[in-house]
Amino acid sequence: METRKFEAAEKKRSGCCNCAQSVICTYCDKAGIDEQTALNIGNSFAAGMGNMEGTCGALVGAGVVLGLVNKDKAKSMKDMRQIMTKFQERNKTTQCKTLKGVETQKIIRECPDCVADACEFLEEIING
């Protein structure tokens, strides 16, 4: 399968989706849901779970897709740990506030790039 990470990043860049929605909507066919349901699932996961203090929404979106694709709690948790580890290694953090440089004024990674990263690691698992 050709990567969809650029499609997902563009959804975020265009402003039509938050980070979680960008990931979930891009893989809604794999997850077995329609796009409107995907949008609704991701509604509250913008800005680091609503306040920039939490986990990057792109990672939350990847976790939602994993759960719907795997339909297995233990496998989904194992796969999510792999995604989180790779994301952390690449970006030095998984926290929205830190990625966006809220306290330091130094952006580590822009949102569309975080979306692309989460999708890259998600695809390694679901296409593997």
Protein backbone atom coordinates (compact mmCIF):
# COMPACT_ATOMS: atom_id res chain seq x y z
CA MET A 1 0.00 0.00 0.00
CA GLU A 2 1.26 3.45 -0.87
CA THR A 3 1.73 5.69 2.15
CA ARG A 4 -1.14 7.90 3.20
CA LYS A 5 0.92 10.03 5.58
CA PHE A 6 1.02 12.98 3.18
CA GLU A 7 -2.76 12.84 2.70
CA ALA A 8 -3.21 12.86 6.48
CA ALA A 9 -0.76 15.74 6.94
CA GLU A 10 -2.63 17.76 4.32
CA LYS A 11 -5.92 17.22 6.16
CA LYS A 12 -4.32 18.87 9.19
CA ARG A 13 -2.54 21.57 7.17
CA SER A 14 -5.79 22.56 5.44
CA GLY A 15 -7.56 23.07 8.75
CA CYS A 16 -10.40 20.68 7.99
CA CYS A 17 -9.35 18.26 10.73
CA ASN A 18 -7.57 18.29 14.05
CA CYS A 19 -4.54 16.02 14.43
CA ALA A 20 -6.48 12.99 15.70
CA GLN A 21 -9.18 13.39 13.05
CA SER A 22 -6.53 13.67 10.34
CA VAL A 23 -5.20 10.22 11.22
CA ILE A 24 -8.54 8.53 11.90
CA CYS A 25 -10.19 9.87 8.73
CA THR A 26 -7.25 8.86 6.56
CA TYR A 27 -7.59 5.24 7.67
CA CYS A 28 -11.36 5.08 8.23
CA ASP A 29 -11.68 2.45 5.49
CA LYS A 30 -9.12 0.22 7.25
CA ALA A 31 -10.89 0.85 10.56
CA GLY A 32 -14.27 -0.08 9.09
CA ILE A 33 -15.98 3.25 9.76
CA ASP A 34 -17.27 6.10 7.63
CA GLU A 35 -15.61 9.50 7.52
CA GLN A 36 -18.30 11.29 9.55
CA THR A 37 -17.94 8.72 12.34
CA ALA A 38 -14.16 9.16 12.18
CA LEU A 39 -14.57 12.94 12.53
CA ASN A 40 -16.91 12.50 15.48
CA ILE A 41 -14.58 10.06 17.24
CA GLY A 42 -11.71 12.54 16.98
CA ASN A 43 -13.64 15.67 17.99
CA SER A 44 -12.33 16.00 21.53
CA PHE A 45 -8.71 15.07 20.88
CA ALA A 46 -7.52 18.37 19.42
CA ALA A 47 -4.78 20.38 21.07
CA GLY A 48 -3.31 17.59 23.14
CA MET A 49 -6.61 16.14 24.30
CA GLY A 50 -8.29 19.49 24.55
CA ASN A 51 -5.72 21.59 26.36
CA MET A 52 -2.20 20.93 24.98
CA GLU A 53 -1.18 19.24 28.23
CA GLY A 54 -1.72 15.73 26.94
CA THR A 55 -0.55 13.31 24.34
CA CYS A 56 -0.26 14.50 20.75
CA GLY A 57 -3.61 14.04 19.00
CA ALA A 58 -1.95 12.31 16.04
CA LEU A 59 -0.84 9.55 18.41
CA VAL A 60 -4.33 9.34 19.89
CA GLY A 61 -5.71 8.97 16.36
CA ALA A 62 -3.23 6.19 15.61
CA GLY A 63 -4.36 4.42 18.78
CA VAL A 64 -8.00 4.67 17.75
CA VAL A 65 -7.21 3.18 14.34
CA LEU A 66 -5.18 0.37 15.93
CA GLY A 67 -8.06 -0.56 18.22
CA LEU A 68 -10.53 -0.68 15.36
CA VAL A 69 -8.19 -2.58 13.04
CA ASN A 70 -6.82 -5.08 15.58
CA LYS A 71 -9.98 -5.68 17.60
CA ASP A 72 -7.64 -7.04 20.27
CA LYS A 73 -6.69 -5.11 23.41
CA ALA A 74 -3.32 -6.77 24.06
CA LYS A 75 -2.18 -6.48 20.43
CA SER A 76 -3.34 -2.87 20.20
CA MET A 77 -1.49 -1.94 23.39
CA LYS A 78 1.71 -3.64 22.16
CA ASP A 79 1.44 -1.94 18.76
CA MET A 80 0.71 1.45 20.36
CA ARG A 81 3.79 1.11 22.55
CA GLN A 82 5.87 0.64 19.37
CA ILE A 83 4.35 3.73 17.76
CA MET A 84 4.86 5.82 20.90
CA THR A 85 8.47 4.67 21.22
CA LYS A 86 9.31 5.51 17.60
CA PHE A 87 7.56 8.87 17.84
CA GLN A 88 9.41 9.67 21.08
CA GLU A 89 12.75 8.68 19.53
CA ARG A 90 12.16 10.92 16.51
CA ASN A 91 10.63 13.92 18.28
CA LYS A 92 11.99 13.66 21.84
CA THR A 93 8.47 13.92 23.31
CA THR A 94 4.89 12.77 22.82
CA GLN A 95 3.31 15.72 24.66
CA CYS A 96 1.51 18.32 22.56
CA LYS A 97 2.57 21.24 24.73
CA THR A 98 6.25 20.36 24.39
CA LEU A 99 6.02 19.65 20.66
CA LYS A 100 4.39 23.05 20.13
CA GLY A 101 6.92 24.87 22.35
CA VAL A 102 4.25 26.40 24.57
CA GLU A 103 6.64 27.02 27.47
CA THR A 104 9.94 27.27 25.59
CA GLN A 105 8.76 29.19 22.51
CA LYS A 106 10.73 26.58 20.50
CA ILE A 107 8.58 24.40 18.27
CA ILE A 108 9.97 20.87 18.11
CA ARG A 109 7.57 19.61 15.43
CA GLU A 110 4.69 21.21 13.55
CA CYS A 111 1.33 19.47 13.72
CA PRO A 112 1.22 18.24 10.09
CA ASP A 113 4.63 16.67 10.60
CA CYS A 114 3.46 14.98 13.80
CA VAL A 115 0.49 13.61 11.86
CA ALA A 116 2.82 12.28 9.14
CA ASP A 117 5.08 10.67 11.74
CA ALA A 118 2.19 8.95 13.53
CA CYS A 119 0.86 7.70 10.19
CA GLU A 120 4.26 6.42 9.11
CA PHE A 121 4.59 4.33 12.25
CA LEU A 122 0.94 3.23 12.10
CA GLU A 123 1.37 2.02 8.52
CA GLU A 124 4.44 -0.01 9.48
CA ILE A 125 2.21 -1.98 11.81
CA ILE A 126 -1.08 -2.27 9.93
CA ASN A 127 0.60 -2.97 6.60
CA GLY A 128 3.29 -5.22 8.09
